[in-house]
Amino acid sequence: AMDFQGTMLAHGGNKSLIGKTMLGIKDNQG
């Protein structure tokens, strides 16, 4: 789950992402 500001609210695969802003992150393809 994420809000529209890009903050991760819940993540069943990696709890360390919760609370982080994710919008600027790119995958290896850009």
PDB file of all heavy atoms in Angstrom:
ATOM      1  N   ALA A   1       0.854  -1.188   0.000  1.00  0.00           N
ATOM      2  CA  ALA A   1       0.000   0.000   0.000  1.00  0.00           C
ATOM      3  C   ALA A   1       0.889   1.235   0.000  1.00  0.00           C
ATOM      4  O   ALA A   1       1.916   1.273   0.692  1.00  0.00           O
ATOM      5  CB  ALA A   1      -0.907   0.005   1.225  1.00  0.00           C
ATOM      6  N   MET A   2       0.496   2.242  -0.779  1.00  0.00           N
ATOM      7  CA  MET A   2       1.224   3.509  -0.878  1.00  0.00           C
ATOM      8  C   MET A   2       0.234   4.653  -0.919  1.00  0.00           C
ATOM      9  O   MET A   2      -0.865   4.497  -1.467  1.00  0.00           O
ATOM     10  CB  MET A   2       2.007   3.561  -2.195  1.00  0.00           C
ATOM     11  CG  MET A   2       3.451   3.259  -2.128  1.00  0.00           C
ATOM     12  SD  MET A   2       4.252   3.283  -3.776  1.00  0.00           S
ATOM     13  CE  MET A   2       3.914   4.901  -4.400  1.00  0.00           C
ATOM     14  N   ASP A   3       0.633   5.812  -0.370  1.00  0.00           N
ATOM     15  CA  ASP A   3      -0.197   6.994  -0.561  1.00  0.00           C
ATOM     16  C   ASP A   3       0.253   7.701  -1.842  1.00  0.00           C
ATOM     17  O   ASP A   3       1.237   7.312  -2.468  1.00  0.00           O
ATOM     18  CB  ASP A   3      -0.181   7.906   0.665  1.00  0.00           C
ATOM     19  CG  ASP A   3       1.162   8.543   0.961  1.00  0.00           C
ATOM     20  OD1 ASP A   3       2.033   8.628   0.068  1.00  0.00           O
ATOM     21  OD2 ASP A   3       1.338   8.980   2.109  1.00  0.00           O
ATOM     22  N   PHE A   4      -0.475   8.734  -2.237  1.00  0.00           N
ATOM     23  CA  PHE A   4      -0.189   9.411  -3.509  1.00  0.00           C
ATOM     24  C   PHE A   4       1.047  10.305  -3.441  1.00  0.00           C
ATOM     25  O   PHE A   4       1.488  10.827  -4.455  1.00  0.00           O
ATOM     26  CB  PHE A   4      -1.401  10.205  -3.981  1.00  0.00           C
ATOM     27  CG  PHE A   4      -2.491   9.358  -4.601  1.00  0.00           C
ATOM     28  CD1 PHE A   4      -2.376   7.983  -4.682  1.00  0.00           C
ATOM     29  CD2 PHE A   4      -3.634   9.945  -5.094  1.00  0.00           C
ATOM     30  CE1 PHE A   4      -3.368   7.203  -5.251  1.00  0.00           C
ATOM     31  CE2 PHE A   4      -4.640   9.181  -5.675  1.00  0.00           C
ATOM     32  CZ  PHE A   4      -4.505   7.814  -5.747  1.00  0.00           C
ATOM     33  N   GLN A   5       1.632  10.479  -2.252  1.00  0.00           N
ATOM     34  CA  GLN A   5       2.900  11.187  -2.127  1.00  0.00           C
ATOM     35  C   GLN A   5       4.077  10.220  -2.292  1.00  0.00           C
ATOM     36  O   GLN A   5       5.231  10.622  -2.227  1.00  0.00           O
ATOM     37  CB  GLN A   5       3.001  11.904  -0.774  1.00  0.00           C
ATOM     38  CG  GLN A   5       2.094  13.119  -0.649  1.00  0.00           C
ATOM     39  CD  GLN A   5       0.619  12.748  -0.579  1.00  0.00           C
ATOM     40  OE1 GLN A   5       0.222  11.911   0.221  1.00  0.00           O
ATOM     41  NE2 GLN A   5      -0.190  13.359  -1.428  1.00  0.00           N
ATOM     42  N   GLY A   6       3.756   8.926  -2.474  1.00  0.00           N
ATOM     43  CA  GLY A   6       4.787   7.921  -2.693  1.00  0.00           C
ATOM     44  C   GLY A   6       5.308   7.261  -1.436  1.00  0.00           C
ATOM     45  O   GLY A   6       6.286   6.513  -1.495  1.00  0.00           O
ATOM     46  N   THR A   7       4.674   7.510  -0.290  1.00  0.00           N
ATOM     47  CA  THR A   7       5.113   6.888   0.963  1.00  0.00           C
ATOM     48  C   THR A   7       4.554   5.473   1.054  1.00  0.00           C
ATOM     49  O   THR A   7       3.340   5.269   0.896  1.00  0.00           O
ATOM     50  CB  THR A   7       4.654   7.714   2.179  1.00  0.00           C
ATOM     51  OG1 THR A   7       5.170   9.030   2.049  1.00  0.00           O
ATOM     52  CG2 THR A   7       5.143   7.095   3.486  1.00  0.00           C
ATOM     53  N   MET A   8       5.435   4.505   1.303  1.00  0.00           N
ATOM     54  CA  MET A   8       5.019   3.117   1.444  1.00  0.00           C
ATOM     55  C   MET A   8       4.333   2.956   2.800  1.00  0.00           C
ATOM     56  O   MET A   8       4.918   3.258   3.840  1.00  0.00           O
ATOM     57  CB  MET A   8       6.239   2.190   1.338  1.00  0.00           C
ATOM     58  CG  MET A   8       5.897   0.733   1.198  1.00  0.00           C
ATOM     59  SD  MET A   8       5.009   0.300  -0.321  1.00  0.00           S
ATOM     60  CE  MET A   8       6.263   0.570  -1.563  1.00  0.00           C
ATOM     61  N   LEU A   9       3.098   2.494   2.787  1.00  0.00           N
ATOM     62  CA  LEU A   9       2.300   2.343   4.002  1.00  0.00           C
ATOM     63  C   LEU A   9       2.307   0.903   4.515  1.00  0.00           C
ATOM     64  O   LEU A   9       2.166   0.677   5.716  1.00  0.00           O
ATOM     65  CB  LEU A   9       0.864   2.792   3.737  1.00  0.00           C
ATOM     66  CG  LEU A   9       0.715   4.218   3.199  1.00  0.00           C
ATOM     67  CD1 LEU A   9      -0.719   4.476   2.767  1.00  0.00           C
ATOM     68  CD2 LEU A   9       1.178   5.230   4.236  1.00  0.00           C
ATOM     69  N   ALA A  10       2.443  -0.044   3.611  1.00  0.00           N
ATOM     70  CA  ALA A  10       2.491  -1.467   3.966  1.00  0.00           C
ATOM     71  C   ALA A  10       3.232  -2.186   2.852  1.00  0.00           C
ATOM     72  O   ALA A  10       3.140  -1.794   1.686  1.00  0.00           O
ATOM     73  CB  ALA A  10       1.087  -2.047   4.124  1.00  0.00           C
ATOM     74  N   HIS A  11       3.978  -3.238   3.214  1.00  0.00           N
ATOM     75  CA  HIS A  11       4.708  -3.998   2.192  1.00  0.00           C
ATOM     76  C   HIS A  11       4.977  -5.400   2.728  1.00  0.00           C
ATOM     77  O   HIS A  11       5.820  -5.586   3.599  1.00  0.00           O
ATOM     78  CB  HIS A  11       6.021  -3.291   1.841  1.00  0.00           C
ATOM     79  CG  HIS A  11       6.619  -3.747   0.549  1.00  0.00           C
ATOM     80  ND1 HIS A  11       7.235  -4.963   0.406  1.00  0.00           N
ATOM     81  CD2 HIS A  11       6.649  -3.153  -0.667  1.00  0.00           C
ATOM     82  CE1 HIS A  11       7.644  -5.097  -0.834  1.00  0.00           C
ATOM     83  NE2 HIS A  11       7.299  -4.009  -1.516  1.00  0.00           N
ATOM     84  N   GLY A  12       4.247  -6.361   2.185  1.00  0.00           N
ATOM     85  CA  GLY A  12       4.366  -7.738   2.644  1.00  0.00           C
ATOM     86  C   GLY A  12       5.657  -8.427   2.239  1.00  0.00           C
ATOM     87  O   GLY A  12       5.972  -9.492   2.752  1.00  0.00           O
ATOM     88  N   GLY A  13       6.433  -7.824   1.350  1.00  0.00           N
ATOM     89  CA  GLY A  13       7.669  -8.438   0.888  1.00  0.00           C
ATOM     90  C   GLY A  13       8.923  -7.858   1.510  1.00  0.00           C
ATOM     91  O   GLY A  13       9.967  -8.503   1.523  1.00  0.00           O
ATOM     92  N   ASN A  14       8.838  -6.632   2.062  1.00  0.00           N
ATOM     93  CA  ASN A  14      10.024  -5.980   2.626  1.00  0.00           C
ATOM     94  C   ASN A  14       9.592  -4.864   3.579  1.00  0.00           C
ATOM     95  O   ASN A  14       9.352  -3.733   3.160  1.00  0.00           O
ATOM     96  CB  ASN A  14      10.898  -5.418   1.500  1.00  0.00           C
ATOM     97  CG  ASN A  14      12.205  -4.845   1.994  1.00  0.00           C
ATOM     98  OD1 ASN A  14      12.411  -4.652   3.185  1.00  0.00           O
ATOM     99  ND2 ASN A  14      13.087  -4.564   1.059  1.00  0.00           N
ATOM    100  N   LYS A  15       9.490  -5.199   4.858  1.00  0.00           N
ATOM    101  CA  LYS A  15       9.022  -4.236   5.863  1.00  0.00           C
ATOM    102  C   LYS A  15       9.921  -3.012   5.984  1.00  0.00           C
ATOM    103  O   LYS A  15       9.479  -1.967   6.427  1.00  0.00           O
ATOM    104  CB  LYS A  15       8.891  -4.911   7.227  1.00  0.00           C
ATOM    105  CG  LYS A  15       7.732  -5.848   7.325  1.00  0.00           C
ATOM    106  CD  LYS A  15       7.591  -6.360   8.749  1.00  0.00           C
ATOM    107  CE  LYS A  15       6.476  -7.382   8.825  1.00  0.00           C
ATOM    108  NZ  LYS A  15       6.251  -7.843  10.184  1.00  0.00           N
ATOM    109  N   SER A  16      11.187  -3.117   5.572  1.00  0.00           N
ATOM    110  CA  SER A  16      12.096  -1.978   5.708  1.00  0.00           C
ATOM    111  C   SER A  16      11.699  -0.814   4.795  1.00  0.00           C
ATOM    112  O   SER A  16      12.179   0.301   4.977  1.00  0.00           O
ATOM    113  CB  SER A  16      13.541  -2.401   5.437  1.00  0.00           C
ATOM    114  OG  SER A  16      13.732  -2.680   4.063  1.00  0.00           O
ATOM    115  N   LEU A  17      10.817  -1.058   3.816  1.00  0.00           N
ATOM    116  CA  LEU A  17      10.370   0.009   2.920  1.00  0.00           C
ATOM    117  C   LEU A  17       9.249   0.856   3.522  1.00  0.00           C
ATOM    118  O   LEU A  17       8.988   1.964   3.051  1.00  0.00           O
ATOM    119  CB  LEU A  17       9.894  -0.587   1.595  1.00  0.00           C
ATOM    120  CG  LEU A  17      10.932  -1.353   0.780  1.00  0.00           C
ATOM    121  CD1 LEU A  17      10.290  -1.931  -0.475  1.00  0.00           C
ATOM    122  CD2 LEU A  17      12.111  -0.463   0.433  1.00  0.00           C
ATOM    123  N   ILE A  18       8.589   0.357   4.558  1.00  0.00           N
ATOM    124  CA  ILE A  18       7.449   1.052   5.152  1.00  0.00           C
ATOM    125  C   ILE A  18       7.903   2.390   5.736  1.00  0.00           C
ATOM    126  O   ILE A  18       8.894   2.468   6.453  1.00  0.00           O
ATOM    127  CB  ILE A  18       6.768   0.179   6.226  1.00  0.00           C
ATOM    128  CG1 ILE A  18       6.225  -1.094   5.579  1.00  0.00           C
ATOM    129  CG2 ILE A  18       5.651   0.940   6.932  1.00  0.00           C
ATOM    130  CD1 ILE A  18       5.787  -2.165   6.548  1.00  0.00           C
ATOM    131  N   GLY A  19       7.170   3.445   5.361  1.00  0.00           N
ATOM    132  CA  GLY A  19       7.478   4.793   5.821  1.00  0.00           C
ATOM    133  C   GLY A  19       8.412   5.556   4.908  1.00  0.00           C
ATOM    134  O   GLY A  19       8.609   6.751   5.081  1.00  0.00           O
ATOM    135  N   LYS A  20       8.979   4.880   3.917  1.00  0.00           N
ATOM    136  CA  LYS A  20       9.910   5.535   2.994  1.00  0.00           C
ATOM    137  C   LYS A  20       9.166   6.106   1.791  1.00  0.00           C
ATOM    138  O   LYS A  20       8.187   5.533   1.329  1.00  0.00           O
ATOM    139  CB  LYS A  20      10.966   4.539   2.519  1.00  0.00           C
ATOM    140  CG  LYS A  20      11.869   4.104   3.645  1.00  0.00           C
ATOM    141  CD  LYS A  20      13.050   3.327   3.150  1.00  0.00           C
ATOM    142  CE  LYS A  20      13.955   3.082   4.359  1.00  0.00           C
ATOM    143  NZ  LYS A  20      14.901   2.059   4.160  1.00  0.00           N
ATOM    144  N   THR A  21       9.674   7.220   1.272  1.00  0.00           N
ATOM    145  CA  THR A  21       9.136   7.814   0.054  1.00  0.00           C
ATOM    146  C   THR A  21       9.843   7.170  -1.128  1.00  0.00           C
ATOM    147  O   THR A  21      11.064   7.176  -1.208  1.00  0.00           O
ATOM    148  CB  THR A  21       9.338   9.336   0.060  1.00  0.00           C
ATOM    149  OG1 THR A  21       8.698   9.862   1.224  1.00  0.00           O
ATOM    150  CG2 THR A  21       8.733   9.970  -1.175  1.00  0.00           C
ATOM    151  N   MET A  22       9.061   6.633  -2.052  1.00  0.00           N
ATOM    152  CA  MET A  22       9.587   5.781  -3.110  1.00  0.00           C
ATOM    153  C   MET A  22       9.582   6.425  -4.506  1.00  0.00           C
ATOM    154  O   MET A  22      10.100   5.843  -5.443  1.00  0.00           O
ATOM    155  CB  MET A  22       8.746   4.490  -3.174  1.00  0.00           C
ATOM    156  CG  MET A  22       8.546   3.783  -1.848  1.00  0.00           C
ATOM    157  SD  MET A  22      10.069   3.185  -1.101  1.00  0.00           S
ATOM    158  CE  MET A  22      10.463   1.830  -2.191  1.00  0.00           C
ATOM    159  N   LEU A  23       9.031   7.617  -4.656  1.00  0.00           N
ATOM    160  CA  LEU A  23       8.777   8.169  -5.997  1.00  0.00           C
ATOM    161  C   LEU A  23      10.001   8.313  -6.886  1.00  0.00           C
ATOM    162  O   LEU A  23       9.894   8.137  -8.081  1.00  0.00           O
ATOM    163  CB  LEU A  23       8.054   9.515  -5.897  1.00  0.00           C
ATOM    164  CG  LEU A  23       6.596   9.439  -5.482  1.00  0.00           C
ATOM    165  CD1 LEU A  23       5.951  10.814  -5.575  1.00  0.00           C
ATOM    166  CD2 LEU A  23       5.812   8.438  -6.301  1.00  0.00           C
ATOM    167  N   GLY A  24      11.166   8.634  -6.370  1.00  0.00           N
ATOM    168  CA  GLY A  24      12.333   8.842  -7.219  1.00  0.00           C
ATOM    169  C   GLY A  24      13.069   7.574  -7.608  1.00  0.00           C
ATOM    170  O   GLY A  24      14.007   7.617  -8.402  1.00  0.00           O
ATOM    171  N   ILE A  25      12.650   6.441  -7.089  1.00  0.00           N
ATOM    172  CA  ILE A  25      13.368   5.184  -7.329  1.00  0.00           C
ATOM    173  C   ILE A  25      13.099   4.674  -8.742  1.00  0.00           C
ATOM    174  O   ILE A  25      11.963   4.673  -9.214  1.00  0.00           O
ATOM    175  CB  ILE A  25      12.979   4.131  -6.272  1.00  0.00           C
ATOM    176  CG1 ILE A  25      13.473   4.611  -4.911  1.00  0.00           C
ATOM    177  CG2 ILE A  25      13.534   2.754  -6.627  1.00  0.00           C
ATOM    178  CD1 ILE A  25      13.061   3.731  -3.760  1.00  0.00           C
ATOM    179  N   LYS A  26      14.174   4.229  -9.405  1.00  0.00           N
ATOM    180  CA  LYS A  26      14.072   3.671 -10.759  1.00  0.00           C
ATOM    181  C   LYS A  26      14.544   2.222 -10.731  1.00  0.00           C
ATOM    182  O   LYS A  26      15.389   1.857  -9.919  1.00  0.00           O
ATOM    183  CB  LYS A  26      14.963   4.456 -11.721  1.00  0.00           C
ATOM    184  CG  LYS A  26      14.579   5.916 -11.862  1.00  0.00           C
ATOM    185  CD  LYS A  26      15.546   6.633 -12.784  1.00  0.00           C
ATOM    186  CE  LYS A  26      15.214   8.098 -12.867  1.00  0.00           C
ATOM    187  NZ  LYS A  26      16.134   8.822 -13.733  1.00  0.00           N
ATOM    188  N   ASP A  27      14.004   1.430 -11.656  1.00  0.00           N
ATOM    189  CA  ASP A  27      14.527   0.074 -11.799  1.00  0.00           C
ATOM    190  C   ASP A  27      15.767   0.118 -12.690  1.00  0.00           C
ATOM    191  O   ASP A  27      16.210   1.185 -13.113  1.00  0.00           O
ATOM    192  CB  ASP A  27      13.451  -0.901 -12.301  1.00  0.00           C
ATOM    193  CG  ASP A  27      13.084  -0.736 -13.771  1.00  0.00           C
ATOM    194  OD1 ASP A  27      13.648   0.140 -14.461  1.00  0.00           O
ATOM    195  OD2 ASP A  27      12.226  -1.500 -14.244  1.00  0.00           O
ATOM    196  N   ASN A  28      16.346  -1.040 -12.984  1.00  0.00           N
ATOM    197  CA  ASN A  28      17.587  -1.085 -13.765  1.00  0.00           C
ATOM    198  C   ASN A  28      17.385  -0.687 -15.226  1.00  0.00           C
ATOM    199  O   ASN A  28      18.351  -0.532 -15.958  1.00  0.00           O
ATOM    200  CB  ASN A  28      18.229  -2.474 -13.661  1.00  0.00           C
ATOM    201  CG  ASN A  28      17.376  -3.552 -14.301  1.00  0.00           C
ATOM    202  OD1 ASN A  28      16.154  -3.449 -14.376  1.00  0.00           O
ATOM    203  ND2 ASN A  28      18.015  -4.611 -14.750  1.00  0.00           N
ATOM    204  N   GLN A  29      16.152  -0.491 -15.642  1.00  0.00           N
ATOM    205  CA  GLN A  29      15.847  -0.018 -16.999  1.00  0.00           C
ATOM    206  C   GLN A  29      15.543   1.484 -17.002  1.00  0.00           C
ATOM    207  O   GLN A  29      15.166   2.035 -18.036  1.00  0.00           O
ATOM    208  CB  GLN A  29      14.642  -0.772 -17.567  1.00  0.00           C
ATOM    209  CG  GLN A  29      14.829  -2.268 -17.637  1.00  0.00           C
ATOM    210  CD  GLN A  29      15.871  -2.670 -18.657  1.00  0.00           C
ATOM    211  OE1 GLN A  29      15.865  -2.181 -19.781  1.00  0.00           O
ATOM    212  NE2 GLN A  29      16.769  -3.555 -18.278  1.00  0.00           N
ATOM    213  N   GLY A  30      15.641   2.120 -15.840  1.00  0.00           N
ATOM    214  CA  GLY A  30      15.370   3.551 -15.742  1.00  0.00           C
ATOM    215  C   GLY A  30      13.906   3.912 -15.560  1.00  0.00           C
ATOM    216  O   GLY A  30      13.539   5.080 -15.613  1.00  0.00           O
TER     217      GLY A  30
END
